[in-house]
Every structure is written in C-alpha cells, then in structure tokens.
N, C-alpha and C. Protein backbone atom coordinates (compact mmCIF):
# COMPACT_ATOMS: atom_id res chain seq x y z
N MET A 1 152.89 0.53 61.88
CA MET A 1 154.03 0.51 62.78
C MET A 1 154.91 1.71 62.45
N ASN A 2 155.46 2.32 63.45
CA ASN A 2 156.28 3.50 63.31
C ASN A 2 157.68 3.12 62.83
N ASP A 3 158.08 3.59 61.64
CA ASP A 3 159.40 3.27 61.09
C ASP A 3 160.54 3.74 61.97
N ALA A 4 160.37 4.83 62.68
CA ALA A 4 161.44 5.33 63.53
C ALA A 4 161.75 4.36 64.66
N LYS A 5 160.76 3.59 65.07
CA LYS A 5 160.96 2.62 66.14
C LYS A 5 161.27 1.23 65.62
N ASN A 6 161.22 1.02 64.31
CA ASN A 6 161.45 -0.29 63.72
C ASN A 6 162.38 -0.15 62.53
N PRO A 7 163.71 -0.17 62.77
CA PRO A 7 164.66 0.04 61.68
C PRO A 7 164.58 -1.02 60.59
N ARG A 8 164.04 -2.21 60.88
CA ARG A 8 163.89 -3.23 59.85
C ARG A 8 163.06 -2.72 58.69
N ARG A 9 162.07 -1.91 58.98
CA ARG A 9 161.16 -1.44 57.94
C ARG A 9 161.78 -0.32 57.11
N GLN A 10 162.95 0.16 57.48
CA GLN A 10 163.61 1.22 56.73
C GLN A 10 164.58 0.66 55.69
N ARG A 11 164.76 -0.63 55.62
CA ARG A 11 165.69 -1.23 54.67
C ARG A 11 165.25 -0.96 53.25
N SER A 12 166.22 -0.77 52.39
CA SER A 12 165.94 -0.53 50.99
C SER A 12 165.74 -1.84 50.24
N PHE A 13 165.00 -1.76 49.17
CA PHE A 13 164.78 -2.91 48.30
C PHE A 13 166.12 -3.46 47.81
N GLY A 14 166.26 -4.78 47.84
CA GLY A 14 167.45 -5.41 47.30
C GLY A 14 168.69 -5.34 48.16
N THR A 15 168.56 -5.09 49.44
CA THR A 15 169.74 -5.04 50.29
C THR A 15 170.37 -6.41 50.39
N ASP A 16 171.64 -6.45 50.72
CA ASP A 16 172.34 -7.73 50.82
C ASP A 16 172.75 -8.02 52.26
N THR A 17 171.95 -7.55 53.20
CA THR A 17 172.17 -7.88 54.61
C THR A 17 170.89 -8.49 55.16
N CYS A 18 171.05 -9.38 56.13
CA CYS A 18 169.92 -10.04 56.76
C CYS A 18 169.06 -9.00 57.48
N ALA A 19 167.76 -9.04 57.25
CA ALA A 19 166.85 -8.08 57.88
C ALA A 19 166.73 -8.31 59.38
N ALA A 20 167.15 -9.48 59.88
CA ALA A 20 167.05 -9.77 61.31
C ALA A 20 168.35 -9.49 62.05
N CYS A 21 169.48 -9.99 61.52
CA CYS A 21 170.74 -9.87 62.27
C CYS A 21 171.79 -8.99 61.59
N GLU A 22 171.49 -8.52 60.37
CA GLU A 22 172.35 -7.63 59.60
C GLU A 22 173.64 -8.27 59.10
N ALA A 23 173.73 -9.59 59.13
CA ALA A 23 174.89 -10.27 58.54
C ALA A 23 174.82 -10.15 57.02
N VAL A 24 175.98 -10.19 56.37
CA VAL A 24 176.03 -10.13 54.91
C VAL A 24 175.39 -11.40 54.35
N VAL A 25 174.51 -11.22 53.35
CA VAL A 25 173.80 -12.34 52.73
C VAL A 25 174.18 -12.40 51.26
N ASN A 26 174.55 -13.59 50.79
CA ASN A 26 174.85 -13.79 49.38
C ASN A 26 173.52 -13.94 48.65
N THR A 27 173.10 -12.89 47.96
CA THR A 27 171.80 -12.89 47.31
C THR A 27 171.82 -13.59 45.95
N THR A 28 172.97 -14.16 45.56
CA THR A 28 173.00 -14.94 44.32
C THR A 28 172.55 -16.38 44.57
N GLU A 29 172.39 -16.76 45.85
CA GLU A 29 171.88 -18.06 46.22
C GLU A 29 170.51 -17.87 46.87
N TRP A 30 169.69 -18.94 46.86
CA TRP A 30 168.37 -18.85 47.46
C TRP A 30 168.51 -18.57 48.95
N ARG A 31 167.68 -17.66 49.43
CA ARG A 31 167.61 -17.32 50.86
C ARG A 31 166.16 -17.13 51.22
N PRO A 32 165.79 -17.38 52.49
CA PRO A 32 164.43 -17.06 52.92
C PRO A 32 164.20 -15.56 52.75
N ALA A 33 162.97 -15.20 52.43
CA ALA A 33 162.63 -13.80 52.22
C ALA A 33 161.21 -13.54 52.70
N ALA A 34 160.90 -12.26 52.86
CA ALA A 34 159.55 -11.82 53.19
C ALA A 34 159.30 -10.53 52.43
N THR A 35 158.04 -10.24 52.17
CA THR A 35 157.68 -9.00 51.50
C THR A 35 156.69 -8.23 52.36
N ASP A 36 156.64 -6.94 52.11
CA ASP A 36 155.73 -6.07 52.86
C ASP A 36 155.65 -4.75 52.11
N ARG A 37 154.72 -3.93 52.49
CA ARG A 37 154.65 -2.55 51.99
C ARG A 37 154.92 -1.63 53.17
N ASP A 38 155.73 -0.60 52.92
CA ASP A 38 156.00 0.35 53.99
C ASP A 38 154.83 1.32 54.10
N GLU A 39 154.93 2.27 55.01
CA GLU A 39 153.81 3.19 55.26
C GLU A 39 153.46 4.04 54.06
N ALA A 40 154.41 4.22 53.13
CA ALA A 40 154.14 4.98 51.91
C ALA A 40 153.53 4.10 50.83
N GLY A 41 153.43 2.80 51.11
CA GLY A 41 152.87 1.87 50.13
C GLY A 41 153.89 1.27 49.19
N THR A 42 155.17 1.55 49.44
CA THR A 42 156.23 1.01 48.60
C THR A 42 156.49 -0.45 48.94
N TYR A 43 156.56 -1.28 47.92
CA TYR A 43 156.81 -2.70 48.09
C TYR A 43 158.24 -2.93 48.56
N GLN A 44 158.41 -3.73 49.61
CA GLN A 44 159.73 -4.01 50.17
C GLN A 44 159.98 -5.52 50.18
N VAL A 45 161.21 -5.92 49.92
CA VAL A 45 161.63 -7.32 50.02
C VAL A 45 162.73 -7.40 51.07
N TYR A 46 162.57 -8.30 52.02
CA TYR A 46 163.54 -8.49 53.09
C TYR A 46 164.16 -9.88 52.93
N VAL A 47 165.49 -9.97 52.96
CA VAL A 47 166.17 -11.27 52.87
C VAL A 47 166.78 -11.62 54.22
N PHE A 48 167.00 -12.92 54.42
CA PHE A 48 167.47 -13.43 55.71
C PHE A 48 168.58 -14.44 55.51
N CYS A 49 169.45 -14.58 56.51
CA CYS A 49 170.52 -15.58 56.50
C CYS A 49 169.96 -16.99 56.36
N ASP A 50 168.95 -17.24 57.17
CA ASP A 50 168.37 -18.58 57.25
C ASP A 50 166.95 -18.48 57.79
N GLN A 51 166.29 -19.61 57.88
CA GLN A 51 164.90 -19.63 58.33
C GLN A 51 164.76 -19.16 59.79
N ASP A 52 165.76 -19.44 60.62
CA ASP A 52 165.70 -18.99 62.02
C ASP A 52 165.63 -17.47 62.11
N CYS A 53 166.43 -16.79 61.31
CA CYS A 53 166.40 -15.32 61.31
C CYS A 53 165.06 -14.81 60.80
N ARG A 54 164.52 -15.44 59.75
CA ARG A 54 163.21 -15.02 59.24
C ARG A 54 162.13 -15.21 60.31
N THR A 55 162.18 -16.32 61.02
CA THR A 55 161.21 -16.59 62.08
C THR A 55 161.31 -15.56 63.19
N ARG A 56 162.55 -15.24 63.63
CA ARG A 56 162.72 -14.23 64.68
C ARG A 56 162.20 -12.87 64.22
N TRP A 57 162.48 -12.51 62.96
CA TRP A 57 162.01 -11.23 62.41
C TRP A 57 160.49 -11.20 62.40
N LYS A 58 159.86 -12.28 61.93
CA LYS A 58 158.41 -12.34 61.84
C LYS A 58 157.78 -12.28 63.22
N GLU A 59 158.35 -12.99 64.19
CA GLU A 59 157.81 -12.98 65.55
C GLU A 59 157.94 -11.62 66.21
N GLY A 60 158.89 -10.81 65.78
CA GLY A 60 159.10 -9.49 66.35
C GLY A 60 158.19 -8.42 65.78
N ARG A 61 157.33 -8.80 64.86
CA ARG A 61 156.43 -7.83 64.21
C ARG A 61 154.99 -8.10 64.61
N SER A 62 154.37 -7.16 65.25
CA SER A 62 152.98 -7.35 65.70
C SER A 62 151.99 -7.31 64.54
N ASP A 63 152.37 -6.70 63.41
CA ASP A 63 151.44 -6.57 62.28
C ASP A 63 151.67 -7.64 61.20
N CYS A 64 152.53 -8.61 61.48
CA CYS A 64 152.85 -9.64 60.49
C CYS A 64 151.79 -10.74 60.52
N PRO A 65 151.17 -11.03 59.38
CA PRO A 65 150.16 -12.10 59.37
C PRO A 65 150.79 -13.45 59.66
N ALA A 66 150.03 -14.32 60.27
CA ALA A 66 150.52 -15.66 60.62
C ALA A 66 150.76 -16.50 59.40
C-alpha cells in the first residue's frame, strides 16, 4: 500500500493518538492495538480509542488479514 495515500501507515511507533480518529489516547491504560510492518520493514504498533475505531481502521485496509 502506498504510504502517501494512507497516512495511518506513516504513524510513528508509540504514538499517543488513535490510528483511526486521531483522538488522544491514554497509553498508560489498556487499549486495542494492531501491529504491522511498513514498506521499509519497520515494525509499527497502532493504538486505538476503542474496539470500534480498531474495527474501522482494519476494514479500511485492503491488505489487512482477517
């Protein structure tokens, strides 16, 4: 997937904003998360406000495994 067309994939490791809606996320409490590798092979962790945001993010990615 082209990073220029998918800003979610440009997020840095350990960010404290939701990867789906960009709301501030308190990362000291458990939150839904997903992992992936970017095109350079760098491991990425994405955090989400709640399960609904994680589901919307996952559904918006054509390369995301079921």
